[in-house]
N, C-alpha and C. Protein backbone atom coordinates (compact mmCIF):
# COMPACT_ATOMS: atom_id res chain seq x y z
N ASN A 1 63.65 44.65 -4.28
CA ASN A 1 62.52 45.00 -4.32
C ASN A 1 62.57 46.80 -3.50
N GLY A 2 62.34 46.62 -1.70
CA GLY A 2 63.31 47.55 -1.28
C GLY A 2 62.22 48.09 -0.71
N CYS A 3 62.05 49.11 0.12
CA CYS A 3 61.08 50.06 0.56
C CYS A 3 60.30 50.48 -0.86
N ALA A 4 58.85 50.97 -0.33
CA ALA A 4 57.97 51.46 -0.87
C ALA A 4 58.17 53.04 -0.69
N SER A 5 58.01 54.15 -2.01
CA SER A 5 58.69 55.80 -1.99
C SER A 5 57.60 56.10 -0.63
N GLY A 6 56.21 55.81 -0.25
CA GLY A 6 55.35 55.93 0.52
C GLY A 6 56.20 55.89 2.33
N THR A 7 56.67 54.09 1.85
CA THR A 7 57.42 54.27 3.56
C THR A 7 58.71 55.39 3.53
N ILE A 8 59.71 55.58 2.81
CA ILE A 8 60.31 56.53 2.72
C ILE A 8 60.27 57.91 3.35
N LYS A 9 59.01 58.17 2.52
CA LYS A 9 58.60 59.62 2.92
C LYS A 9 57.97 59.97 4.36
N ALA A 10 57.45 58.82 4.57
CA ALA A 10 57.11 58.57 5.83
C ALA A 10 57.84 58.73 6.97
N LEU A 11 58.84 57.65 6.87
CA LEU A 11 60.23 57.87 7.94
C LEU A 11 60.86 59.70 7.74
N ALA A 12 61.23 59.62 6.48
CA ALA A 12 61.42 61.02 6.62
C ALA A 12 60.66 62.25 7.18
N ALA A 13 59.43 62.08 6.98
CA ALA A 13 58.94 63.14 8.14
C ALA A 13 58.35 62.70 9.26
N PHE A 14 58.75 61.12 10.23
CA PHE A 14 59.07 61.10 11.36
C PHE A 14 60.09 61.34 11.84
N ARG A 15 61.14 61.83 11.44
CA ARG A 15 62.81 61.72 11.40
C ARG A 15 62.71 60.87 12.75
N PRO A 16 63.06 59.40 13.29
CA PRO A 16 63.21 58.98 14.04
C PRO A 16 64.85 59.20 14.42
N LYS A 17 65.09 59.25 15.55
CA LYS A 17 66.62 59.35 16.17
C LYS A 17 67.64 58.20 14.85
N GLN A 18 67.27 57.26 14.82
CA GLN A 18 67.60 56.17 13.94
C GLN A 18 67.30 55.56 13.48
N VAL A 19 67.53 54.88 12.29
CA VAL A 19 67.26 54.05 11.40
C VAL A 19 68.02 53.28 11.14
N ILE A 20 67.71 51.52 10.83
CA ILE A 20 68.07 50.57 10.93
C ILE A 20 68.01 49.81 9.81
N TYR A 21 68.54 49.56 8.57
CA TYR A 21 68.00 48.98 7.35
C TYR A 21 68.99 47.93 6.84
N ILE A 22 67.97 47.17 6.75
CA ILE A 22 68.85 45.50 6.30
C ILE A 22 68.04 45.19 4.94
N SER A 23 69.20 45.03 4.15
CA SER A 23 68.98 44.69 2.69
C SER A 23 69.89 43.81 1.67
N CYS A 24 69.44 43.10 1.27
CA CYS A 24 70.23 41.72 0.00
C CYS A 24 69.93 42.50 -0.83
N ASN A 25 69.81 43.70 -1.36
CA ASN A 25 69.77 43.93 -2.66
C ASN A 25 70.48 45.30 -2.66
N ALA A 26 71.72 45.67 -3.15
CA ALA A 26 72.79 46.55 -2.78
C ALA A 26 71.76 47.77 -3.57
N ALA A 27 71.42 47.60 -5.05
CA ALA A 27 70.41 48.64 -5.64
C ALA A 27 69.43 49.18 -5.28
N THR A 28 68.53 48.21 -4.29
CA THR A 28 67.96 49.15 -3.76
C THR A 28 67.31 49.85 -2.58
N LEU A 29 68.65 49.39 -2.22
CA LEU A 29 69.31 49.78 -0.73
C LEU A 29 70.11 51.13 -1.10
N ALA A 30 70.72 51.49 -1.94
CA ALA A 30 70.95 52.54 -2.85
C ALA A 30 69.93 53.57 -3.03
N ARG A 31 69.18 53.27 -3.92
CA ARG A 31 68.10 53.89 -4.23
C ARG A 31 67.32 54.67 -3.07
N ASP A 32 66.84 53.85 -1.97
CA ASP A 32 66.11 54.03 -0.91
C ASP A 32 66.70 54.69 -0.02
N LEU A 33 67.73 54.73 0.40
CA LEU A 33 68.95 56.10 1.12
C LEU A 33 68.89 57.24 0.67
N ARG A 34 69.46 57.11 -1.03
CA ARG A 34 69.44 58.33 -1.51
C ARG A 34 68.52 58.78 -1.38
N MET A 35 67.14 58.61 -1.48
CA MET A 35 65.67 59.09 -1.31
C MET A 35 65.70 59.51 0.54
N LEU A 36 65.76 58.92 1.05
CA LEU A 36 65.92 59.20 2.65
C LEU A 36 66.95 60.04 2.90
N LEU A 37 67.75 60.20 2.50
CA LEU A 37 68.77 61.35 3.25
C LEU A 37 68.99 62.23 1.56
N GLU A 38 68.37 62.39 0.76
CA GLU A 38 68.05 63.18 0.44
C GLU A 38 66.35 64.16 0.96
N ASN A 39 65.87 63.90 1.90
CA ASN A 39 64.34 64.48 2.81
C ASN A 39 64.87 64.34 3.89
N ALA A 40 65.48 63.83 4.40
CA ALA A 40 66.17 63.75 6.21
C ALA A 40 67.76 64.11 6.51
N PRO A 41 67.61 64.79 7.34
CA PRO A 41 69.27 65.10 8.05
C PRO A 41 69.49 63.52 8.63
N TYR A 42 70.16 62.45 7.74
CA TYR A 42 70.68 61.58 8.66
C TYR A 42 72.57 61.25 8.05
N THR A 43 72.47 60.70 9.00
CA THR A 43 74.57 60.26 8.31
C THR A 43 74.59 58.95 8.92
N VAL A 44 75.60 58.45 7.98
CA VAL A 44 75.98 56.92 8.37
C VAL A 44 76.61 56.67 9.14
N ALA A 45 76.13 55.78 10.41
CA ALA A 45 76.64 55.74 11.88
C ALA A 45 77.85 54.66 11.60
N ARG A 46 76.98 53.31 10.92
CA ARG A 46 77.48 52.02 10.90
C ARG A 46 77.08 51.12 9.33
N LEU A 47 78.05 50.55 9.42
CA LEU A 47 77.65 49.50 7.84
C LEU A 47 78.30 48.35 8.20
N ALA A 48 77.84 47.23 8.07
CA ALA A 48 78.22 46.00 7.74
C ALA A 48 77.88 44.68 6.73
N PHE A 49 78.55 44.42 6.59
CA PHE A 49 77.94 43.35 5.57
C PHE A 49 78.07 41.76 6.10
N PHE A 50 77.62 40.98 5.32
CA PHE A 50 77.22 39.49 6.25
C PHE A 50 77.56 38.34 4.86
N ASP A 51 77.95 37.77 4.47
CA ASP A 51 78.66 37.09 3.70
C ASP A 51 77.53 35.65 4.17
N MET A 52 76.36 35.47 3.91
CA MET A 52 75.10 34.39 4.12
C MET A 52 75.46 33.01 2.85
N PHE A 53 75.91 33.43 2.20
CA PHE A 53 75.72 32.80 0.85
C PHE A 53 77.26 32.15 0.38
N PRO A 54 77.77 31.98 1.09
CA PRO A 54 79.42 31.80 1.04
C PRO A 54 79.82 31.44 -0.72
N ARG A 55 80.73 31.43 -1.37
CA ARG A 55 80.55 31.13 -2.76
C ARG A 55 79.92 32.06 -4.20
N THR A 56 79.30 33.05 -3.43
CA THR A 56 77.86 33.93 -4.17
C THR A 56 78.81 34.63 -4.28
N ALA A 57 77.81 35.77 -4.99
CA ALA A 57 77.92 37.30 -4.69
C ALA A 57 76.71 37.58 -4.08
N HIS A 58 76.15 36.99 -3.29
CA HIS A 58 75.37 38.02 -2.38
C HIS A 58 75.62 37.76 -1.13
N PHE A 59 74.96 38.91 -0.62
CA PHE A 59 75.55 39.35 0.76
C PHE A 59 74.32 40.40 1.41
N GLU A 60 74.33 40.29 2.56
CA GLU A 60 73.32 40.91 3.16
C GLU A 60 74.05 42.20 3.78
N THR A 61 73.38 43.12 3.58
CA THR A 61 74.18 44.95 4.28
C THR A 61 73.09 45.25 5.51
N ALA A 62 73.73 46.06 6.23
CA ALA A 62 72.93 46.44 7.65
C ALA A 62 73.59 47.81 7.73
N ILE A 63 72.57 48.39 7.96
CA ILE A 63 72.98 50.12 7.93
C ILE A 63 72.28 50.62 8.84
N MET A 64 73.21 51.39 10.06
CA MET A 64 72.84 52.41 10.84
C MET A 64 72.64 53.61 10.64
N LEU A 65 71.53 54.33 10.40
CA LEU A 65 71.88 55.85 10.02
C LEU A 65 71.02 57.06 11.00
N GLN A 66 71.98 58.19 11.38
CA GLN A 66 72.02 58.50 13.05
C GLN A 66 71.00 59.60 12.67
N ARG A 67 70.53 60.48 13.24
CA ARG A 67 69.92 61.68 12.81
C ARG A 67 70.88 62.51 13.53
N GLU A 68 70.94 63.74 12.36
CA GLU A 68 71.89 64.73 12.31
C GLU A 68 71.73 65.79 13.43
N LYS A 69 72.05 66.53 14.49
CA LYS A 69 71.59 67.58 15.23
C LYS A 69 71.57 68.90 14.75
N ARG A 70 70.52 69.09 14.70
CA ARG A 70 70.44 71.15 13.98
C ARG A 70 69.58 71.49 14.61
């Protein structure tokens, strides 16, 4: 389900120095990151995958975005 579009817009407007996003759904993560990166100056600083459910296709993703200095 990911973040509501209003949440992404609020993050983009607030522009925190870092955003840490944790997701169990790659499709909503990609959608939310695309919206956020289109509306705010962030780069991916770190990315990690966690296999919490062995022998399945499910994994957790943690991504840290860092605000670009402009």
